[in-house]
């Protein structure tokens, strides 16, 4: 894996919290930052994926499918909605 250096400027309070968390987790600060960036990228990619899927969605077709669900079968024990 290719590695590169990048000068990261964090607010002192963020850096302090990141150092404390890395120590609690037993990982290097660099590793913590790598994981945090990877998690954020994954979240943004997931959001973009669902936005794209939503644009391709057909709401009338989905509603017609949902109207058919459960017509032949009565609710089973455990299907009730808790208050």
Protein backbone atom coordinates (compact mmCIF):
# COMPACT_ATOMS: atom_id res chain seq x y z
CA UNK A 1 0.00 0.00 0.00
CA UNK A 2 1.32 3.41 -0.95
CA UNK A 3 1.57 5.85 1.93
CA UNK A 4 1.81 9.60 1.83
CA UNK A 5 2.29 12.39 4.31
CA UNK A 6 -0.21 15.16 4.76
CA UNK A 7 0.05 18.11 7.11
CA UNK A 8 -3.22 18.18 9.01
CA UNK A 9 -4.16 21.26 10.97
CA UNK A 10 -6.62 20.48 13.73
CA UNK A 11 -8.02 22.79 16.34
CA UNK A 12 -6.16 22.16 19.60
CA UNK A 13 -9.33 20.91 21.31
CA UNK A 14 -9.98 18.39 18.52
CA UNK A 15 -6.39 17.20 18.57
CA UNK A 16 -6.53 16.76 22.34
CA UNK A 17 -9.76 14.75 22.14
CA UNK A 18 -8.41 12.65 19.27
CA UNK A 19 -5.24 11.85 21.23
CA UNK A 20 -7.28 10.84 24.28
CA UNK A 21 -9.55 8.62 22.22
CA UNK A 22 -6.64 6.99 20.41
CA UNK A 23 -5.03 6.23 23.77
CA UNK A 24 -8.28 4.76 25.15
CA UNK A 25 -8.68 2.65 22.02
CA UNK A 26 -5.06 1.55 22.14
CA UNK A 27 -4.23 2.75 18.64
CA UNK A 28 -1.90 5.33 17.17
CA UNK A 29 -3.34 8.77 16.48
CA UNK A 30 -2.57 8.25 12.80
CA UNK A 31 -4.60 5.02 12.78
CA UNK A 32 -7.53 6.72 14.52
CA UNK A 33 -7.55 9.50 11.94
CA UNK A 34 -7.34 6.97 9.07
CA UNK A 35 -10.31 5.04 10.45
CA UNK A 36 -12.31 8.23 11.05
CA UNK A 37 -11.74 9.42 7.48
CA UNK A 38 -12.63 5.97 6.10
CA UNK A 39 -15.86 5.89 8.14
CA UNK A 40 -16.85 9.36 6.93
CA UNK A 41 -16.15 8.45 3.29
CA UNK A 42 -18.21 5.28 3.67
CA UNK A 43 -21.12 7.25 5.15
CA UNK A 44 -21.02 9.78 2.30
CA UNK A 45 -20.82 7.05 -0.35
CA UNK A 46 -23.76 5.25 1.25
CA UNK A 47 -25.79 8.45 1.26
CA UNK A 48 -25.00 9.04 -2.41
CA UNK A 49 -25.93 5.43 -3.24
CA UNK A 50 -29.35 5.74 -1.62
CA UNK A 51 -29.96 9.14 -3.23
CA UNK A 52 -29.26 7.59 -6.64
CA UNK A 53 -31.52 4.63 -5.89
CA UNK A 54 -34.27 7.00 -4.74
CA UNK A 55 -34.05 8.96 -8.02
CA UNK A 56 -34.63 5.73 -9.95
CA UNK A 57 -37.51 4.68 -7.72
CA UNK A 58 -41.05 4.35 -8.95
CA UNK A 59 -43.34 5.41 -6.10
CA UNK A 60 -46.67 4.41 -7.73
CA UNK A 61 -45.29 0.94 -8.50
CA UNK A 62 -43.92 0.55 -4.96
CA UNK A 63 -47.26 1.58 -3.45
CA UNK A 64 -49.13 -0.91 -5.62
CA UNK A 65 -46.82 -3.69 -4.42
CA UNK A 66 -47.29 -2.65 -0.78
CA UNK A 67 -51.07 -2.71 -1.19
CA UNK A 68 -50.88 -6.41 -2.11
CA UNK A 69 -48.71 -7.42 0.85
CA UNK A 70 -50.51 -9.40 3.54
CA UNK A 71 -53.88 -9.71 1.83
CA UNK A 72 -53.91 -13.50 2.02
CA UNK A 73 -52.34 -13.91 5.43
CA UNK A 74 -53.61 -12.77 8.81
CA UNK A 75 -51.20 -11.16 11.29
CA UNK A 76 -49.15 -13.66 13.26
CA UNK A 77 -48.43 -13.49 17.00
CA UNK A 78 -45.61 -10.98 17.49
CA UNK A 79 -46.68 -8.84 14.51
CA UNK A 80 -48.36 -6.26 16.70
CA UNK A 81 -46.79 -2.82 17.11
CA UNK A 82 -45.63 -2.04 20.65
CA UNK A 83 -46.77 1.26 22.17
